[in-house]
Amino acid sequence: MSQPLINRMETVRINEILSYSHTYPHSGQYLMDTLMETKNWLELQYDVICLLNDVFNCGYRPSDISPLFESK
């Protein structure tokens, strides 16, 4: 069984999401909840990808998103 996306992120990245959550509590919580429930980044909806871009300025393409979830 695959692990949630949040478990596949580096601690530094998780801390960036938590910092974002202090400024934008509802969006940050939604992002965290989604990453805790989703097991494959290909299942992420566009609104979550937009939030990831807001936090990490990573872009919207699959090649931009997948490195966020490389196994530790």
N, C-alpha and C. Protein backbone atom coordinates (compact mmCIF):
# COMPACT_ATOMS: atom_id res chain seq x y z
N MET A 1 0.83 -1.18 0.00
CA MET A 1 0.00 0.00 0.00
C MET A 1 0.88 1.24 0.00
N SER A 2 0.53 2.17 -0.83
CA SER A 2 1.30 3.39 -0.98
C SER A 2 1.04 4.34 0.19
N GLN A 3 2.02 5.15 0.48
CA GLN A 3 1.88 6.10 1.58
C GLN A 3 1.35 7.44 1.08
N PRO A 4 0.73 8.23 1.96
CA PRO A 4 0.21 9.54 1.55
C PRO A 4 1.32 10.45 1.05
N LEU A 5 0.96 11.38 0.21
CA LEU A 5 1.94 12.28 -0.38
C LEU A 5 2.71 13.07 0.67
N ILE A 6 2.04 13.47 1.73
CA ILE A 6 2.70 14.26 2.77
C ILE A 6 3.88 13.50 3.37
N ASN A 7 3.80 12.18 3.43
CA ASN A 7 4.89 11.36 3.98
C ASN A 7 6.05 11.23 3.01
N ARG A 8 5.84 11.60 1.77
CA ARG A 8 6.90 11.52 0.76
C ARG A 8 7.59 12.85 0.53
N MET A 9 7.21 13.86 1.31
CA MET A 9 7.81 15.19 1.19
C MET A 9 8.93 15.37 2.21
N GLU A 10 9.89 16.19 1.86
CA GLU A 10 10.95 16.54 2.79
C GLU A 10 10.38 17.42 3.90
N THR A 11 10.97 17.33 5.08
CA THR A 11 10.51 18.10 6.22
C THR A 11 10.54 19.60 5.94
N VAL A 12 11.53 20.06 5.22
CA VAL A 12 11.64 21.48 4.87
C VAL A 12 10.41 21.92 4.07
N ARG A 13 9.96 21.10 3.17
CA ARG A 13 8.79 21.44 2.35
C ARG A 13 7.51 21.44 3.19
N ILE A 14 7.40 20.50 4.10
CA ILE A 14 6.24 20.47 4.99
C ILE A 14 6.21 21.74 5.84
N ASN A 15 7.37 22.16 6.31
CA ASN A 15 7.44 23.39 7.11
C ASN A 15 7.04 24.61 6.29
N GLU A 16 7.34 24.60 5.00
CA GLU A 16 6.91 25.71 4.13
C GLU A 16 5.39 25.74 4.01
N ILE A 17 4.78 24.58 3.94
CA ILE A 17 3.31 24.52 3.89
C ILE A 17 2.73 25.03 5.21
N LEU A 18 3.32 24.65 6.32
CA LEU A 18 2.85 25.12 7.62
C LEU A 18 2.99 26.63 7.75
N SER A 19 4.07 27.17 7.24
CA SER A 19 4.26 28.62 7.24
C SER A 19 3.20 29.31 6.39
N TYR A 20 2.92 28.74 5.23
CA TYR A 20 1.87 29.25 4.35
C TYR A 20 0.52 29.20 5.07
N SER A 21 0.31 28.17 5.86
CA SER A 21 -0.94 28.00 6.59
C SER A 21 -1.17 29.09 7.63
N HIS A 22 -0.09 29.66 8.15
CA HIS A 22 -0.25 30.75 9.12
C HIS A 22 -0.82 32.00 8.45
N THR A 23 -0.44 32.22 7.20
CA THR A 23 -0.92 33.38 6.46
C THR A 23 -2.28 33.11 5.83
N TYR A 24 -2.45 31.91 5.31
CA TYR A 24 -3.69 31.51 4.62
C TYR A 24 -4.22 30.22 5.26
N PRO A 25 -4.86 30.33 6.41
CA PRO A 25 -5.24 29.14 7.18
C PRO A 25 -6.16 28.16 6.45
N HIS A 26 -7.15 28.65 5.74
CA HIS A 26 -8.10 27.74 5.09
C HIS A 26 -7.45 27.02 3.91
N SER A 27 -6.73 27.77 3.09
CA SER A 27 -6.04 27.16 1.94
C SER A 27 -4.95 26.21 2.41
N GLY A 28 -4.21 26.61 3.42
CA GLY A 28 -3.15 25.76 3.94
C GLY A 28 -3.68 24.47 4.53
N GLN A 29 -4.78 24.56 5.26
CA GLN A 29 -5.38 23.36 5.84
C GLN A 29 -5.91 22.44 4.75
N TYR A 30 -6.54 23.03 3.76
CA TYR A 30 -7.05 22.24 2.63
C TYR A 30 -5.91 21.51 1.93
N LEU A 31 -4.79 22.20 1.72
CA LEU A 31 -3.63 21.58 1.08
C LEU A 31 -3.10 20.44 1.93
N MET A 32 -2.93 20.68 3.23
CA MET A 32 -2.43 19.62 4.12
C MET A 32 -3.37 18.42 4.14
N ASP A 33 -4.68 18.68 4.25
CA ASP A 33 -5.65 17.58 4.28
C ASP A 33 -5.59 16.76 3.01
N THR A 34 -5.49 17.44 1.88
CA THR A 34 -5.43 16.75 0.59
C THR A 34 -4.17 15.90 0.49
N LEU A 35 -3.04 16.44 0.92
CA LEU A 35 -1.78 15.70 0.85
C LEU A 35 -1.76 14.52 1.81
N MET A 36 -2.53 14.60 2.89
CA MET A 36 -2.61 13.48 3.84
C MET A 36 -3.52 12.37 3.33
N GLU A 37 -4.45 12.71 2.44
CA GLU A 37 -5.41 11.73 1.93
C GLU A 37 -5.01 11.12 0.59
N THR A 38 -4.24 11.84 -0.19
CA THR A 38 -3.92 11.43 -1.56
C THR A 38 -2.62 10.64 -1.58
N LYS A 39 -2.62 9.56 -2.33
CA LYS A 39 -1.45 8.68 -2.38
C LYS A 39 -0.65 8.79 -3.68
N ASN A 40 -1.22 9.43 -4.69
CA ASN A 40 -0.53 9.56 -5.97
C ASN A 40 -0.69 10.99 -6.46
N TRP A 41 0.41 11.65 -6.78
CA TRP A 41 0.32 13.05 -7.17
C TRP A 41 -0.45 13.23 -8.48
N LEU A 42 -0.60 12.18 -9.27
CA LEU A 42 -1.38 12.28 -10.50
C LEU A 42 -2.87 12.47 -10.21
N GLU A 43 -3.30 12.19 -9.00
CA GLU A 43 -4.70 12.34 -8.61
C GLU A 43 -5.03 13.75 -8.11
N LEU A 44 -4.03 14.60 -7.98
CA LEU A 44 -4.27 15.95 -7.46
C LEU A 44 -5.10 16.77 -8.43
N GLN A 45 -6.05 17.49 -7.89
CA GLN A 45 -6.88 18.36 -8.71
C GLN A 45 -6.15 19.68 -8.94
N TYR A 46 -6.62 20.41 -9.93
CA TYR A 46 -5.94 21.64 -10.34
C TYR A 46 -5.85 22.66 -9.21
N ASP A 47 -6.87 22.76 -8.36
CA ASP A 47 -6.83 23.74 -7.28
C ASP A 47 -5.69 23.44 -6.30
N VAL A 48 -5.42 22.17 -6.07
CA VAL A 48 -4.32 21.78 -5.18
C VAL A 48 -2.98 22.07 -5.85
N ILE A 49 -2.89 21.83 -7.13
CA ILE A 49 -1.66 22.14 -7.86
C ILE A 49 -1.40 23.65 -7.83
N CYS A 50 -2.44 24.44 -7.93
CA CYS A 50 -2.29 25.90 -7.82
C CYS A 50 -1.77 26.28 -6.44
N LEU A 51 -2.28 25.63 -5.39
CA LEU A 51 -1.79 25.91 -4.04
C LEU A 51 -0.33 25.50 -3.89
N LEU A 52 0.03 24.36 -4.46
CA LEU A 52 1.44 23.94 -4.41
C LEU A 52 2.32 24.97 -5.10
N ASN A 53 1.85 25.52 -6.20
CA ASN A 53 2.61 26.55 -6.89
C ASN A 53 2.70 27.82 -6.05
N ASP A 54 1.62 28.16 -5.35
CA ASP A 54 1.66 29.33 -4.46
C ASP A 54 2.72 29.16 -3.37
N VAL A 55 2.81 27.97 -2.82
CA VAL A 55 3.75 27.72 -1.73
C VAL A 55 5.18 27.59 -2.24
N PHE A 56 5.38 26.82 -3.29
CA PHE A 56 6.73 26.46 -3.73
C PHE A 56 7.19 27.17 -5.01
N ASN A 57 6.28 27.90 -5.66
CA ASN A 57 6.61 28.55 -6.93
C ASN A 57 7.24 27.54 -7.88
N CYS A 58 6.59 26.39 -7.99
CA CYS A 58 7.16 25.26 -8.71
C CYS A 58 6.65 25.12 -10.14
N GLY A 59 5.53 25.72 -10.46
CA GLY A 59 4.95 25.55 -11.78
C GLY A 59 3.79 24.57 -11.74
N TYR A 60 3.23 24.31 -12.91
CA TYR A 60 2.01 23.53 -13.00
C TYR A 60 2.16 22.22 -13.78
N ARG A 61 3.27 22.04 -14.42
CA ARG A 61 3.47 20.84 -15.24
C ARG A 61 3.81 19.63 -14.37
N PRO A 62 3.53 18.45 -14.88
CA PRO A 62 3.89 17.24 -14.11
C PRO A 62 5.36 17.19 -13.72
N SER A 63 6.23 17.64 -14.61
CA SER A 63 7.66 17.62 -14.29
C SER A 63 8.00 18.62 -13.18
N ASP A 64 7.13 19.58 -12.94
CA ASP A 64 7.33 20.55 -11.86
C ASP A 64 6.80 20.02 -10.53
N ILE A 65 5.74 19.24 -10.60
CA ILE A 65 5.06 18.75 -9.39
C ILE A 65 5.70 17.48 -8.83
N SER A 66 6.07 16.56 -9.68
CA SER A 66 6.55 15.26 -9.20
C SER A 66 7.77 15.33 -8.28
N PRO A 67 8.74 16.25 -8.49
CA PRO A 67 9.89 16.28 -7.56
C PRO A 67 9.52 16.63 -6.12
N LEU A 68 8.37 17.24 -5.92
CA LEU A 68 7.96 17.56 -4.55
C LEU A 68 7.69 16.31 -3.73
N PHE A 69 7.42 15.20 -4.42
CA PHE A 69 6.98 13.98 -3.73
C PHE A 69 7.92 12.80 -3.97
N GLU A 70 9.17 13.08 -4.20
CA GLU A 70 10.12 11.98 -4.36
C GLU A 70 10.32 11.31 -3.02
N SER A 71 10.36 10.02 -3.04
CA SER A 71 10.52 9.27 -1.80
C SER A 71 11.79 9.67 -1.09
N LYS A 72 11.70 9.72 0.23
CA LYS A 72 12.85 10.10 1.05
C LYS A 72 13.91 9.04 1.02
